[in-house]
Amino acid sequence: MNFSHAALLVIDLQMVSWPNEYYGVPNMPQIVKNVQPVLTGCRNMGIPVIYTRQYHSKSGIDTSRGEPRLPEGYPYMEGSAGLEIVSAIKPAEKDIVINKHRWSAFFNTETEIILRRLGIEHLIMCGVTTDCCVMLTAYDAFYRDYLITIIEDCCGATEHALHQASIINMANWIYQSKIIKASELVKALEDKPYSVWEWQSPGAFTYTPDTMTQVFSKLK
């Protein structure tokens, strides 16, 4: 895998997605554990690390129409504990943090300006939720001709079936995409033999609710 023009994009690994929180992702603790060696490997290689945070001001002026509001305020509200990136994977001094107000990291943010300034052509992506912010950001990146690698076990959704369906969707329609496990990416970063699934043709994977898990298992 060529890392010469790559960046790691860590999407919305915030406390509001911790299990039992408002947008709880059941496997969030495992995601965080899987992300840690990836962060270390990328930083050691000098690969830029970019975090995104879903973020809303206390006034709510920047929220989406119909944004859920809790008694204590919006889930991603400025100053709330839920807004913060999980402490075990908090940004390092040289990492970049981008606040966003909509699901895609490209919508009305400085993401594209930063990527162009850094000369990035390849985005290695992880985060939550797979079926929302990760997938929409991946498609927006694809529309801008970035190469996309998804770290499958560093992503998650509120239900595993949603995660599986979204990974298959991206594998079908993001041309030249790659799907990889965190442990395999670390091997690649260390210039060791590794396994990765690589895109071959559009719409290659079809499934029904009964066959989805079987189809998902082919993305190795």
N, C-alpha and C. Protein backbone atom coordinates (compact mmCIF):
# COMPACT_ATOMS: atom_id res chain seq x y z
N MET A 1 0.85 -1.19 0.00
CA MET A 1 0.00 0.00 0.00
C MET A 1 0.88 1.24 0.00
N ASN A 2 0.55 2.20 -0.84
CA ASN A 2 1.35 3.42 -0.95
C ASN A 2 0.85 4.46 0.04
N PHE A 3 1.71 4.89 0.93
CA PHE A 3 1.33 5.87 1.95
C PHE A 3 1.93 7.25 1.68
N SER A 4 2.54 7.46 0.52
CA SER A 4 3.30 8.70 0.29
C SER A 4 2.42 9.94 0.25
N HIS A 5 1.16 9.80 -0.15
CA HIS A 5 0.25 10.96 -0.16
C HIS A 5 -1.02 10.63 0.60
N ALA A 6 -0.87 9.92 1.72
CA ALA A 6 -2.02 9.44 2.50
C ALA A 6 -2.22 10.27 3.76
N ALA A 7 -3.46 10.27 4.24
CA ALA A 7 -3.79 10.83 5.55
C ALA A 7 -4.78 9.90 6.23
N LEU A 8 -4.72 9.85 7.54
CA LEU A 8 -5.69 9.10 8.34
C LEU A 8 -6.80 10.05 8.76
N LEU A 9 -8.04 9.71 8.41
CA LEU A 9 -9.20 10.53 8.76
C LEU A 9 -10.02 9.79 9.81
N VAL A 10 -10.06 10.33 11.02
CA VAL A 10 -10.73 9.70 12.16
C VAL A 10 -12.04 10.45 12.40
N ILE A 11 -13.14 9.79 12.13
CA ILE A 11 -14.43 10.47 12.07
C ILE A 11 -15.25 10.29 13.34
N ASP A 12 -15.43 11.36 14.08
CA ASP A 12 -16.44 11.47 15.14
C ASP A 12 -16.34 10.41 16.24
N LEU A 13 -15.13 10.05 16.64
CA LEU A 13 -15.00 9.12 17.75
C LEU A 13 -15.12 9.91 19.06
N GLN A 14 -16.35 10.32 19.33
CA GLN A 14 -16.68 11.22 20.43
C GLN A 14 -17.45 10.48 21.52
N MET A 15 -17.45 11.04 22.71
CA MET A 15 -18.06 10.38 23.85
C MET A 15 -19.57 10.19 23.68
N VAL A 16 -20.21 10.99 22.86
CA VAL A 16 -21.65 10.84 22.66
C VAL A 16 -21.98 9.51 21.97
N SER A 17 -20.97 8.86 21.39
CA SER A 17 -21.18 7.55 20.75
C SER A 17 -20.74 6.39 21.63
N TRP A 18 -20.35 6.67 22.87
CA TRP A 18 -20.00 5.59 23.79
C TRP A 18 -21.26 4.79 24.11
N PRO A 19 -21.15 3.48 24.35
CA PRO A 19 -22.35 2.70 24.67
C PRO A 19 -23.18 3.35 25.77
N ASN A 20 -24.48 3.31 25.58
CA ASN A 20 -25.48 3.87 26.50
C ASN A 20 -25.59 5.39 26.44
N GLU A 21 -24.78 6.04 25.60
CA GLU A 21 -24.97 7.47 25.36
C GLU A 21 -25.98 7.66 24.23
N TYR A 22 -26.28 8.91 23.89
CA TYR A 22 -27.40 9.19 22.99
C TYR A 22 -27.24 8.49 21.64
N TYR A 23 -26.05 8.55 21.06
CA TYR A 23 -25.78 7.89 19.78
C TYR A 23 -24.89 6.66 20.01
N GLY A 24 -25.18 5.90 21.04
CA GLY A 24 -24.31 4.81 21.46
C GLY A 24 -24.04 3.77 20.40
N VAL A 25 -22.77 3.46 20.21
CA VAL A 25 -22.32 2.40 19.31
C VAL A 25 -21.82 1.26 20.20
N PRO A 26 -22.47 0.09 20.16
CA PRO A 26 -22.15 -0.98 21.12
C PRO A 26 -20.68 -1.38 21.16
N ASN A 27 -20.01 -1.42 20.02
CA ASN A 27 -18.61 -1.86 20.00
C ASN A 27 -17.62 -0.71 20.02
N MET A 28 -18.05 0.45 20.50
CA MET A 28 -17.17 1.61 20.54
C MET A 28 -15.88 1.34 21.34
N PRO A 29 -15.93 0.67 22.50
CA PRO A 29 -14.67 0.40 23.21
C PRO A 29 -13.68 -0.42 22.37
N GLN A 30 -14.18 -1.39 21.61
CA GLN A 30 -13.30 -2.19 20.76
C GLN A 30 -12.76 -1.36 19.60
N ILE A 31 -13.61 -0.50 19.04
CA ILE A 31 -13.15 0.40 17.97
C ILE A 31 -11.97 1.24 18.46
N VAL A 32 -12.14 1.83 19.63
CA VAL A 32 -11.08 2.67 20.20
C VAL A 32 -9.80 1.85 20.39
N LYS A 33 -9.94 0.63 20.89
CA LYS A 33 -8.77 -0.24 21.08
C LYS A 33 -8.09 -0.54 19.75
N ASN A 34 -8.89 -0.77 18.71
CA ASN A 34 -8.32 -1.08 17.39
C ASN A 34 -7.64 0.13 16.76
N VAL A 35 -8.18 1.31 17.03
CA VAL A 35 -7.64 2.54 16.44
C VAL A 35 -6.28 2.90 17.02
N GLN A 36 -6.04 2.57 18.26
CA GLN A 36 -4.82 3.02 18.94
C GLN A 36 -3.53 2.64 18.19
N PRO A 37 -3.32 1.37 17.81
CA PRO A 37 -2.08 1.06 17.08
C PRO A 37 -2.03 1.67 15.69
N VAL A 38 -3.19 1.92 15.10
CA VAL A 38 -3.23 2.60 13.79
C VAL A 38 -2.73 4.03 13.94
N LEU A 39 -3.19 4.71 14.97
CA LEU A 39 -2.72 6.07 15.22
C LEU A 39 -1.21 6.09 15.43
N THR A 40 -0.73 5.17 16.25
CA THR A 40 0.71 5.11 16.52
C THR A 40 1.50 4.87 15.24
N GLY A 41 1.03 3.91 14.44
CA GLY A 41 1.73 3.60 13.20
C GLY A 41 1.76 4.76 12.23
N CYS A 42 0.62 5.44 12.09
CA CYS A 42 0.56 6.58 11.16
C CYS A 42 1.45 7.72 11.64
N ARG A 43 1.39 8.01 12.93
CA ARG A 43 2.23 9.10 13.46
C ARG A 43 3.71 8.76 13.29
N ASN A 44 4.08 7.52 13.54
CA ASN A 44 5.48 7.12 13.37
C ASN A 44 5.95 7.26 11.93
N MET A 45 5.02 7.07 10.99
CA MET A 45 5.35 7.17 9.56
C MET A 45 5.27 8.60 9.04
N GLY A 46 4.83 9.53 9.89
CA GLY A 46 4.66 10.91 9.45
C GLY A 46 3.42 11.12 8.61
N ILE A 47 2.47 10.19 8.69
CA ILE A 47 1.20 10.34 7.95
C ILE A 47 0.30 11.29 8.72
N PRO A 48 -0.21 12.34 8.09
CA PRO A 48 -1.08 13.28 8.80
C PRO A 48 -2.30 12.59 9.39
N VAL A 49 -2.64 12.96 10.62
CA VAL A 49 -3.83 12.43 11.29
C VAL A 49 -4.82 13.57 11.45
N ILE A 50 -6.01 13.37 10.91
CA ILE A 50 -7.05 14.40 10.93
C ILE A 50 -8.29 13.84 11.63
N TYR A 51 -8.72 14.49 12.68
CA TYR A 51 -9.93 14.11 13.39
C TYR A 51 -11.08 15.02 12.95
N THR A 52 -12.29 14.47 12.93
CA THR A 52 -13.47 15.33 12.81
C THR A 52 -14.31 15.18 14.08
N ARG A 53 -15.02 16.26 14.39
CA ARG A 53 -15.98 16.24 15.50
C ARG A 53 -17.30 16.81 14.99
N GLN A 54 -18.38 16.10 15.24
CA GLN A 54 -19.69 16.72 15.05
C GLN A 54 -19.84 17.76 16.15
N TYR A 55 -20.26 18.96 15.79
CA TYR A 55 -20.18 20.09 16.72
C TYR A 55 -21.35 21.03 16.49
N HIS A 56 -21.97 21.45 17.59
CA HIS A 56 -23.02 22.47 17.50
C HIS A 56 -22.82 23.51 18.59
N SER A 57 -23.10 24.76 18.26
CA SER A 57 -23.01 25.83 19.24
C SER A 57 -24.15 25.70 20.25
N LYS A 58 -23.99 26.35 21.39
CA LYS A 58 -25.02 26.29 22.43
C LYS A 58 -26.35 26.84 21.95
N SER A 59 -26.31 27.80 21.06
CA SER A 59 -27.55 28.40 20.56
C SER A 59 -28.31 27.46 19.64
N GLY A 60 -27.61 26.51 19.05
CA GLY A 60 -28.24 25.60 18.10
C GLY A 60 -28.45 26.20 16.73
N ILE A 61 -27.88 27.36 16.46
CA ILE A 61 -28.09 28.04 15.18
C ILE A 61 -27.50 27.25 14.02
N ASP A 62 -26.54 26.37 14.31
CA ASP A 62 -25.86 25.62 13.25
C ASP A 62 -26.35 24.17 13.15
N THR A 63 -27.45 23.83 13.80
CA THR A 63 -27.95 22.46 13.75
C THR A 63 -28.76 22.22 12.48
N SER A 64 -28.93 20.94 12.16
CA SER A 64 -29.78 20.56 11.03
C SER A 64 -31.25 20.79 11.40
N ARG A 65 -32.08 20.96 10.38
CA ARG A 65 -33.52 21.04 10.62
C ARG A 65 -33.97 19.74 11.30
N GLY A 66 -34.66 19.86 12.41
CA GLY A 66 -35.15 18.69 13.13
C GLY A 66 -34.13 18.02 14.03
N GLU A 67 -32.98 18.66 14.24
CA GLU A 67 -31.95 18.08 15.10
C GLU A 67 -32.53 17.73 16.47
N PRO A 68 -32.33 16.50 16.97
CA PRO A 68 -32.86 16.14 18.29
C PRO A 68 -32.29 17.05 19.37
N ARG A 69 -33.16 17.49 20.25
CA ARG A 69 -32.71 18.31 21.38
C ARG A 69 -33.10 17.62 22.67
N LEU A 70 -32.12 17.41 23.52
CA LEU A 70 -32.34 16.78 24.81
C LEU A 70 -32.61 17.85 25.86
N PRO A 71 -33.11 17.48 27.04
CA PRO A 71 -33.33 18.49 28.09
C PRO A 71 -32.08 19.31 28.40
N GLU A 72 -30.91 18.66 28.30
CA GLU A 72 -29.66 19.36 28.61
C GLU A 72 -29.05 20.05 27.40
N GLY A 73 -29.69 19.93 26.24
CA GLY A 73 -29.19 20.59 25.04
C GLY A 73 -28.97 19.59 23.92
N TYR A 74 -28.36 20.05 22.84
CA TYR A 74 -28.10 19.18 21.70
C TYR A 74 -26.99 18.18 22.02
N PRO A 75 -27.06 16.95 21.43
CA PRO A 75 -26.08 15.91 21.77
C PRO A 75 -24.62 16.32 21.54
N TYR A 76 -24.35 17.11 20.52
CA TYR A 76 -22.97 17.50 20.21
C TYR A 76 -22.70 18.95 20.60
N MET A 77 -23.37 19.43 21.62
CA MET A 77 -23.33 20.85 21.95
C MET A 77 -21.97 21.28 22.50
N GLU A 78 -21.58 22.47 22.11
CA GLU A 78 -20.36 23.09 22.63
C GLU A 78 -20.34 23.04 24.15
N GLY A 79 -19.23 22.58 24.71
CA GLY A 79 -19.09 22.53 26.16
C GLY A 79 -19.59 21.26 26.81
N SER A 80 -20.25 20.39 26.06
CA SER A 80 -20.79 19.15 26.64
C SER A 80 -19.72 18.06 26.65
N ALA A 81 -19.86 17.12 27.59
CA ALA A 81 -18.91 16.01 27.66
C ALA A 81 -18.99 15.13 26.43
N GLY A 82 -20.19 15.00 25.87
CA GLY A 82 -20.38 14.14 24.70
C GLY A 82 -19.65 14.62 23.47
N LEU A 83 -19.37 15.91 23.41
CA LEU A 83 -18.67 16.48 22.25
C LEU A 83 -17.24 15.99 22.14
N GLU A 84 -16.63 15.66 23.27
CA GLU A 84 -15.19 15.42 23.30
C GLU A 84 -14.79 14.09 22.66
N ILE A 85 -13.64 14.09 21.99
CA ILE A 85 -13.07 12.86 21.45
C ILE A 85 -12.65 11.96 22.61
N VAL A 86 -12.88 10.67 22.47
CA VAL A 86 -12.56 9.70 23.53
C VAL A 86 -11.10 9.89 23.97
N SER A 87 -10.89 9.99 25.27
CA SER A 87 -9.59 10.39 25.80
C SER A 87 -8.47 9.41 25.44
N ALA A 88 -8.78 8.13 25.30
CA ALA A 88 -7.75 7.14 24.98
C ALA A 88 -7.14 7.33 23.61
N ILE A 89 -7.84 8.07 22.75
CA ILE A 89 -7.32 8.32 21.39
C ILE A 89 -7.34 9.82 21.10
N LYS A 90 -7.14 10.63 22.12
CA LYS A 90 -7.20 12.07 21.94
C LYS A 90 -6.13 12.54 20.95
N PRO A 91 -6.39 13.62 20.24
CA PRO A 91 -5.43 14.12 19.25
C PRO A 91 -4.09 14.48 19.88
N ALA A 92 -3.03 14.17 19.15
CA ALA A 92 -1.69 14.61 19.55
C ALA A 92 -1.50 16.06 19.13
N GLU A 93 -0.41 16.65 19.57
CA GLU A 93 -0.18 18.08 19.35
C GLU A 93 -0.21 18.45 17.87
N LYS A 94 0.35 17.60 17.01
CA LYS A 94 0.44 17.93 15.59
C LYS A 94 -0.78 17.48 14.78
N ASP A 95 -1.70 16.75 15.41
CA ASP A 95 -2.89 16.31 14.69
C ASP A 95 -3.82 17.48 14.42
N ILE A 96 -4.68 17.30 13.44
CA ILE A 96 -5.63 18.34 13.03
C ILE A 96 -7.02 17.94 13.48
N VAL A 97 -7.79 18.87 14.02
CA VAL A 97 -9.17 18.61 14.43
C VAL A 97 -10.09 19.55 13.66
N ILE A 98 -11.07 18.98 12.98
CA ILE A 98 -12.02 19.75 12.18
C ILE A 98 -13.41 19.60 12.78
N ASN A 99 -14.04 20.71 13.11
CA ASN A 99 -15.43 20.69 13.56
C ASN A 99 -16.36 20.73 12.36
N LYS A 100 -17.38 19.90 12.38
CA LYS A 100 -18.35 19.88 11.27
C LYS A 100 -19.76 19.95 11.84
N HIS A 101 -20.67 20.46 11.03
CA HIS A 101 -22.05 20.64 11.47
C HIS A 101 -23.03 19.73 10.76
N ARG A 102 -22.54 18.99 9.77
CA ARG A 102 -23.38 18.05 9.04
C ARG A 102 -22.64 16.72 8.95
N TRP A 103 -23.30 15.70 8.40
CA TRP A 103 -22.71 14.36 8.44
C TRP A 103 -21.39 14.25 7.67
N SER A 104 -21.31 14.81 6.50
CA SER A 104 -20.08 14.71 5.71
C SER A 104 -19.01 15.66 6.23
N ALA A 105 -17.79 15.16 6.32
CA ALA A 105 -16.67 16.00 6.75
C ALA A 105 -16.29 17.04 5.70
N PHE A 106 -16.86 16.95 4.51
CA PHE A 106 -16.55 17.90 3.44
C PHE A 106 -17.56 19.04 3.35
N PHE A 107 -18.69 18.93 4.02
CA PHE A 107 -19.76 19.91 3.83
C PHE A 107 -19.48 21.17 4.66
N ASN A 108 -19.17 22.27 3.97
CA ASN A 108 -18.95 23.57 4.62
C ASN A 108 -17.90 23.51 5.73
N THR A 109 -16.82 22.77 5.48
CA THR A 109 -15.70 22.72 6.42
C THR A 109 -14.41 23.03 5.65
N GLU A 110 -13.32 23.09 6.38
CA GLU A 110 -12.01 23.33 5.76
C GLU A 110 -11.31 22.04 5.35
N THR A 111 -12.00 20.92 5.40
CA THR A 111 -11.38 19.62 5.11
C THR A 111 -10.65 19.61 3.77
N GLU A 112 -11.33 20.01 2.72
CA GLU A 112 -10.73 19.93 1.39
C GLU A 112 -9.54 20.87 1.25
N ILE A 113 -9.63 22.04 1.83
CA ILE A 113 -8.51 22.99 1.78
C ILE A 113 -7.28 22.38 2.45
N ILE A 114 -7.48 21.77 3.62
CA ILE A 114 -6.38 21.16 4.35
C ILE A 114 -5.77 20.00 3.57
N LEU A 115 -6.62 19.15 3.00
CA LEU A 115 -6.11 18.01 2.24
C LEU A 115 -5.30 18.46 1.03
N ARG A 116 -5.79 19.47 0.35
CA ARG A 116 -5.05 19.99 -0.81
C ARG A 116 -3.72 20.59 -0.38
N ARG A 117 -3.74 21.33 0.71
CA ARG A 117 -2.51 21.96 1.20
C ARG A 117 -1.47 20.91 1.59
N LEU A 118 -1.94 19.78 2.10
CA LEU A 118 -1.04 18.70 2.50
C LEU A 118 -0.65 17.79 1.34
N GLY A 119 -1.27 17.99 0.19
CA GLY A 119 -0.97 17.14 -0.97
C GLY A 119 -1.52 15.74 -0.86
N ILE A 120 -2.65 15.59 -0.17
CA ILE A 120 -3.23 14.27 0.08
C ILE A 120 -4.01 13.77 -1.13
N GLU A 121 -3.80 12.51 -1.47
CA GLU A 121 -4.53 11.84 -2.55
C GLU A 121 -5.26 10.59 -2.08
N HIS A 122 -4.91 10.11 -0.91
CA HIS A 122 -5.41 8.82 -0.40
C HIS A 122 -5.88 9.02 1.04
N LEU A 123 -7.15 8.72 1.30
CA LEU A 123 -7.70 8.85 2.64
C LEU A 123 -7.91 7.47 3.25
N ILE A 124 -7.29 7.24 4.39
CA ILE A 124 -7.51 6.03 5.18
C ILE A 124 -8.52 6.42 6.25
N MET A 125 -9.69 5.79 6.24
CA MET A 125 -10.80 6.29 7.04
C MET A 125 -11.25 5.30 8.11
N CYS A 126 -11.66 5.86 9.24
CA CYS A 126 -12.26 5.07 10.31
C CYS A 126 -13.19 5.98 11.10
N GLY A 127 -14.03 5.38 11.95
CA GLY A 127 -14.89 6.19 12.79
C GLY A 127 -16.32 5.70 12.84
N VAL A 128 -17.20 6.57 13.31
CA VAL A 128 -18.62 6.25 13.46
C VAL A 128 -19.47 7.42 12.94
N THR A 129 -20.69 7.11 12.58
CA THR A 129 -21.18 5.76 12.37
C THR A 129 -20.97 5.38 10.92
N THR A 130 -20.76 4.06 10.70
CA THR A 130 -20.45 3.58 9.36
C THR A 130 -21.52 3.98 8.36
N ASP A 131 -22.78 3.89 8.78
CA ASP A 131 -23.91 4.12 7.87
C ASP A 131 -24.25 5.59 7.69
N CYS A 132 -23.56 6.46 8.39
CA CYS A 132 -23.88 7.90 8.29
C CYS A 132 -22.61 8.69 7.98
N CYS A 133 -21.94 9.19 8.98
CA CYS A 133 -20.83 10.12 8.74
C CYS A 133 -19.66 9.49 7.99
N VAL A 134 -19.36 8.22 8.27
CA VAL A 134 -18.25 7.57 7.57
C VAL A 134 -18.59 7.39 6.10
N MET A 135 -19.75 6.80 5.82
CA MET A 135 -20.12 6.51 4.44
C MET A 135 -20.32 7.79 3.63
N LEU A 136 -20.98 8.79 4.20
CA LEU A 136 -21.22 10.03 3.45
C LEU A 136 -19.91 10.77 3.20
N THR A 137 -19.01 10.76 4.15
CA THR A 137 -17.70 11.37 3.94
C THR A 137 -16.92 10.61 2.87
N ALA A 138 -17.00 9.28 2.91
CA ALA A 138 -16.29 8.46 1.92
C ALA A 138 -16.78 8.76 0.51
N TYR A 139 -18.10 8.87 0.34
CA TYR A 139 -18.62 9.18 -0.99
C TYR A 139 -18.24 10.60 -1.42
N ASP A 140 -18.29 11.55 -0.51
CA ASP A 140 -17.87 12.91 -0.87
C ASP A 140 -16.39 12.94 -1.25
N ALA A 141 -15.57 12.15 -0.58
CA ALA A 141 -14.15 12.06 -0.94
C ALA A 141 -13.98 11.41 -2.31
N PHE A 142 -14.75 10.37 -2.57
CA PHE A 142 -14.71 9.69 -3.87
C PHE A 142 -15.10 10.65 -4.99
N TYR A 143 -16.13 11.47 -4.76
CA TYR A 143 -16.54 12.45 -5.77
C TYR A 143 -15.42 13.43 -6.09
N ARG A 144 -14.51 13.62 -5.13
CA ARG A 144 -13.39 14.54 -5.32
C ARG A 144 -12.12 13.80 -5.76
N ASP A 145 -12.27 12.55 -6.13
CA ASP A 145 -11.19 11.73 -6.71
C ASP A 145 -10.10 11.34 -5.73
N TYR A 146 -10.43 11.26 -4.45
CA TYR A 146 -9.49 10.68 -3.49
C TYR A 146 -9.59 9.16 -3.54
N LEU A 147 -8.47 8.48 -3.35
CA LEU A 147 -8.48 7.05 -3.12
C LEU A 147 -8.94 6.79 -1.70
N ILE A 148 -9.73 5.73 -1.49
CA ILE A 148 -10.34 5.47 -0.20
C ILE A 148 -9.95 4.10 0.32
N THR A 149 -9.46 4.05 1.55
CA THR A 149 -9.27 2.81 2.28
C THR A 149 -10.08 2.89 3.57
N ILE A 150 -10.95 1.91 3.80
CA ILE A 150 -11.77 1.86 5.01
C ILE A 150 -11.19 0.82 5.96
N ILE A 151 -10.91 1.24 7.20
CA ILE A 151 -10.47 0.29 8.22
C ILE A 151 -11.73 -0.29 8.86
N GLU A 152 -12.11 -1.47 8.42
CA GLU A 152 -13.44 -2.00 8.74
C GLU A 152 -13.68 -2.15 10.23
N ASP A 153 -12.72 -2.69 10.98
CA ASP A 153 -12.94 -2.92 12.40
C ASP A 153 -12.59 -1.70 13.26
N CYS A 154 -12.37 -0.57 12.61
CA CYS A 154 -12.25 0.71 13.31
C CYS A 154 -13.46 1.59 13.01
N CYS A 155 -14.52 0.97 12.50
CA CYS A 155 -15.79 1.65 12.23
C CYS A 155 -16.90 0.91 12.97
N GLY A 156 -18.04 1.56 13.13
CA GLY A 156 -19.16 0.90 13.79
C GLY A 156 -20.43 1.71 13.64
N ALA A 157 -21.55 1.04 13.92
CA ALA A 157 -22.86 1.66 13.84
C ALA A 157 -23.69 1.24 15.05
N THR A 158 -24.87 1.79 15.17
CA THR A 158 -25.72 1.47 16.31
C THR A 158 -26.22 0.03 16.27
N GLU A 159 -26.23 -0.58 15.09
CA GLU A 159 -26.51 -2.00 14.91
C GLU A 159 -25.49 -2.57 13.94
N HIS A 160 -25.02 -3.80 14.20
CA HIS A 160 -23.97 -4.37 13.35
C HIS A 160 -24.46 -4.57 11.92
N ALA A 161 -25.74 -4.87 11.74
CA ALA A 161 -26.27 -5.04 10.39
C ALA A 161 -26.14 -3.76 9.58
N LEU A 162 -26.32 -2.61 10.21
CA LEU A 162 -26.15 -1.33 9.52
C LEU A 162 -24.69 -1.15 9.09
N HIS A 163 -23.78 -1.55 9.94
CA HIS A 163 -22.35 -1.49 9.62
C HIS A 163 -22.04 -2.39 8.43
N GLN A 164 -22.51 -3.62 8.48
CA GLN A 164 -22.24 -4.57 7.40
C GLN A 164 -22.78 -4.06 6.07
N ALA A 165 -24.03 -3.62 6.07
CA ALA A 165 -24.65 -3.14 4.83
C ALA A 165 -23.89 -1.95 4.25
N SER A 166 -23.42 -1.07 5.11
CA SER A 166 -22.72 0.13 4.65
C SER A 166 -21.34 -0.20 4.08
N ILE A 167 -20.64 -1.12 4.72
CA ILE A 167 -19.34 -1.55 4.20
C ILE A 167 -19.51 -2.19 2.82
N ILE A 168 -20.52 -3.04 2.68
CA ILE A 168 -20.79 -3.66 1.37
C ILE A 168 -21.13 -2.60 0.34
N ASN A 169 -21.95 -1.64 0.73
CA ASN A 169 -22.33 -0.55 -0.17
C ASN A 169 -21.10 0.18 -0.69
N MET A 170 -20.20 0.55 0.21
CA MET A 170 -18.99 1.26 -0.21
C MET A 170 -18.09 0.37 -1.07
N ALA A 171 -18.01 -0.91 -0.71
CA ALA A 171 -17.20 -1.84 -1.50
C ALA A 171 -17.75 -1.98 -2.92
N ASN A 172 -19.06 -1.86 -3.06
CA ASN A 172 -19.68 -1.95 -4.38
C ASN A 172 -19.43 -0.73 -5.25
N TRP A 173 -19.49 0.46 -4.66
CA TRP A 173 -19.63 1.66 -5.48
C TRP A 173 -18.53 2.69 -5.35
N ILE A 174 -17.58 2.50 -4.46
CA ILE A 174 -16.43 3.41 -4.41
C ILE A 174 -15.30 2.75 -5.17
N TYR A 175 -15.11 3.17 -6.39
CA TYR A 175 -14.14 2.54 -7.28
C TYR A 175 -12.72 2.66 -6.71
N GLN A 176 -11.96 1.59 -6.88
CA GLN A 176 -10.57 1.49 -6.41
C GLN A 176 -10.45 1.55 -4.89
N SER A 177 -11.55 1.33 -4.20
CA SER A 177 -11.50 1.34 -2.73
C SER A 177 -10.83 0.08 -2.20
N LYS A 178 -10.41 0.17 -0.95
CA LYS A 178 -9.83 -0.96 -0.23
C LYS A 178 -10.52 -1.07 1.13
N ILE A 179 -10.71 -2.31 1.58
CA ILE A 179 -11.24 -2.59 2.91
C ILE A 179 -10.18 -3.40 3.65
N ILE A 180 -9.83 -2.96 4.85
CA ILE A 180 -8.73 -3.60 5.57
C ILE A 180 -9.04 -3.64 7.06
N LYS A 181 -8.45 -4.60 7.76
CA LYS A 181 -8.52 -4.68 9.21
C LYS A 181 -7.38 -3.84 9.81
N ALA A 182 -7.59 -3.38 11.04
CA ALA A 182 -6.58 -2.54 11.70
C ALA A 182 -5.24 -3.26 11.80
N SER A 183 -5.27 -4.53 12.19
CA SER A 183 -4.02 -5.28 12.35
C SER A 183 -3.27 -5.42 11.04
N GLU A 184 -4.00 -5.55 9.94
CA GLU A 184 -3.36 -5.66 8.63
C GLU A 184 -2.79 -4.32 8.17
N LEU A 185 -3.50 -3.24 8.50
CA LEU A 185 -2.97 -1.92 8.16
C LEU A 185 -1.68 -1.64 8.91
N VAL A 186 -1.63 -2.03 10.17
CA VAL A 186 -0.40 -1.85 10.94
C VAL A 186 0.75 -2.62 10.29
N LYS A 187 0.47 -3.83 9.82
CA LYS A 187 1.50 -4.59 9.09
C LYS A 187 1.98 -3.83 7.86
N ALA A 188 1.02 -3.27 7.12
CA ALA A 188 1.39 -2.51 5.91
C ALA A 188 2.25 -1.31 6.27
N LEU A 189 1.90 -0.63 7.36
CA LEU A 189 2.68 0.52 7.80
C LEU A 189 4.11 0.12 8.18
N GLU A 190 4.25 -1.11 8.66
CA GLU A 190 5.57 -1.61 9.06
C GLU A 190 6.28 -2.32 7.91
N ASP A 191 5.70 -2.21 6.71
CA ASP A 191 6.28 -2.81 5.50
C ASP A 191 6.39 -4.33 5.62
N LYS A 192 5.38 -4.93 6.24
CA LYS A 192 5.30 -6.38 6.36
C LYS A 192 4.19 -6.90 5.44
N PRO A 193 4.18 -8.18 5.11
CA PRO A 193 3.09 -8.74 4.30
C PRO A 193 1.74 -8.53 5.00
N TYR A 194 0.73 -8.20 4.24
CA TYR A 194 -0.58 -7.90 4.82
C TYR A 194 -1.68 -8.34 3.86
N SER A 195 -2.90 -8.43 4.38
CA SER A 195 -4.07 -8.80 3.59
C SER A 195 -5.00 -7.60 3.48
N VAL A 196 -5.58 -7.41 2.30
CA VAL A 196 -6.51 -6.30 2.08
C VAL A 196 -7.48 -6.71 0.97
N TRP A 197 -8.74 -6.29 1.10
CA TRP A 197 -9.70 -6.49 0.01
C TRP A 197 -9.61 -5.27 -0.91
N GLU A 198 -9.55 -5.51 -2.23
CA GLU A 198 -9.45 -4.43 -3.20
C GLU A 198 -10.60 -4.49 -4.19
N TRP A 199 -11.14 -3.33 -4.50
CA TRP A 199 -12.27 -3.21 -5.43
C TRP A 199 -11.91 -3.75 -6.81
N GLN A 200 -12.89 -4.45 -7.43
CA GLN A 200 -12.66 -4.99 -8.77
C GLN A 200 -13.72 -4.57 -9.77
N SER A 201 -14.99 -4.49 -9.35
CA SER A 201 -16.04 -4.13 -10.30
C SER A 201 -17.23 -3.54 -9.55
N PRO A 202 -18.02 -2.67 -10.21
CA PRO A 202 -19.16 -2.04 -9.54
C PRO A 202 -20.27 -3.04 -9.27
N GLY A 203 -20.91 -2.87 -8.11
CA GLY A 203 -22.05 -3.70 -7.77
C GLY A 203 -21.74 -5.18 -7.68
N ALA A 204 -20.53 -5.53 -7.27
CA ALA A 204 -20.10 -6.93 -7.28
C ALA A 204 -20.81 -7.77 -6.22
N PHE A 205 -21.26 -7.12 -5.15
CA PHE A 205 -21.85 -7.86 -4.04
C PHE A 205 -23.34 -7.57 -3.92
N THR A 206 -24.16 -8.58 -4.10
CA THR A 206 -25.59 -8.47 -3.86
C THR A 206 -25.94 -9.36 -2.67
N TYR A 207 -26.98 -9.00 -1.95
CA TYR A 207 -27.32 -9.77 -0.76
C TYR A 207 -28.78 -9.56 -0.39
N THR A 208 -29.27 -10.45 0.43
CA THR A 208 -30.57 -10.34 1.07
C THR A 208 -30.32 -10.25 2.57
N PRO A 209 -31.34 -9.93 3.36
CA PRO A 209 -31.12 -9.94 4.81
C PRO A 209 -30.55 -11.26 5.32
N ASP A 210 -30.90 -12.35 4.67
CA ASP A 210 -30.44 -13.66 5.12
C ASP A 210 -28.99 -13.95 4.73
N THR A 211 -28.51 -13.31 3.67
CA THR A 211 -27.16 -13.62 3.16
C THR A 211 -26.15 -12.51 3.44
N MET A 212 -26.57 -11.43 4.08
CA MET A 212 -25.69 -10.27 4.23
C MET A 212 -24.41 -10.61 4.99
N THR A 213 -24.51 -11.33 6.09
CA THR A 213 -23.32 -11.66 6.87
C THR A 213 -22.35 -12.51 6.06
N GLN A 214 -22.88 -13.44 5.29
CA GLN A 214 -22.04 -14.28 4.44
C GLN A 214 -21.31 -13.45 3.39
N VAL A 215 -22.03 -12.51 2.76
CA VAL A 215 -21.42 -11.64 1.76
C VAL A 215 -20.37 -10.74 2.41
N PHE A 216 -20.70 -10.20 3.56
CA PHE A 216 -19.78 -9.33 4.29
C PHE A 216 -18.45 -10.03 4.58
N SER A 217 -18.52 -11.32 4.87
CA SER A 217 -17.31 -12.08 5.22
C SER A 217 -16.34 -12.20 4.04
N LYS A 218 -16.80 -11.91 2.83
CA LYS A 218 -15.93 -11.99 1.66
C LYS A 218 -15.00 -10.79 1.54
N LEU A 219 -15.26 -9.75 2.31
CA LEU A 219 -14.46 -8.52 2.20
C LEU A 219 -13.21 -8.63 3.06
N LYS A 220 -12.35 -9.54 2.67
CA LYS A 220 -11.12 -9.77 3.42
C LYS A 220 -9.95 -9.80 2.46
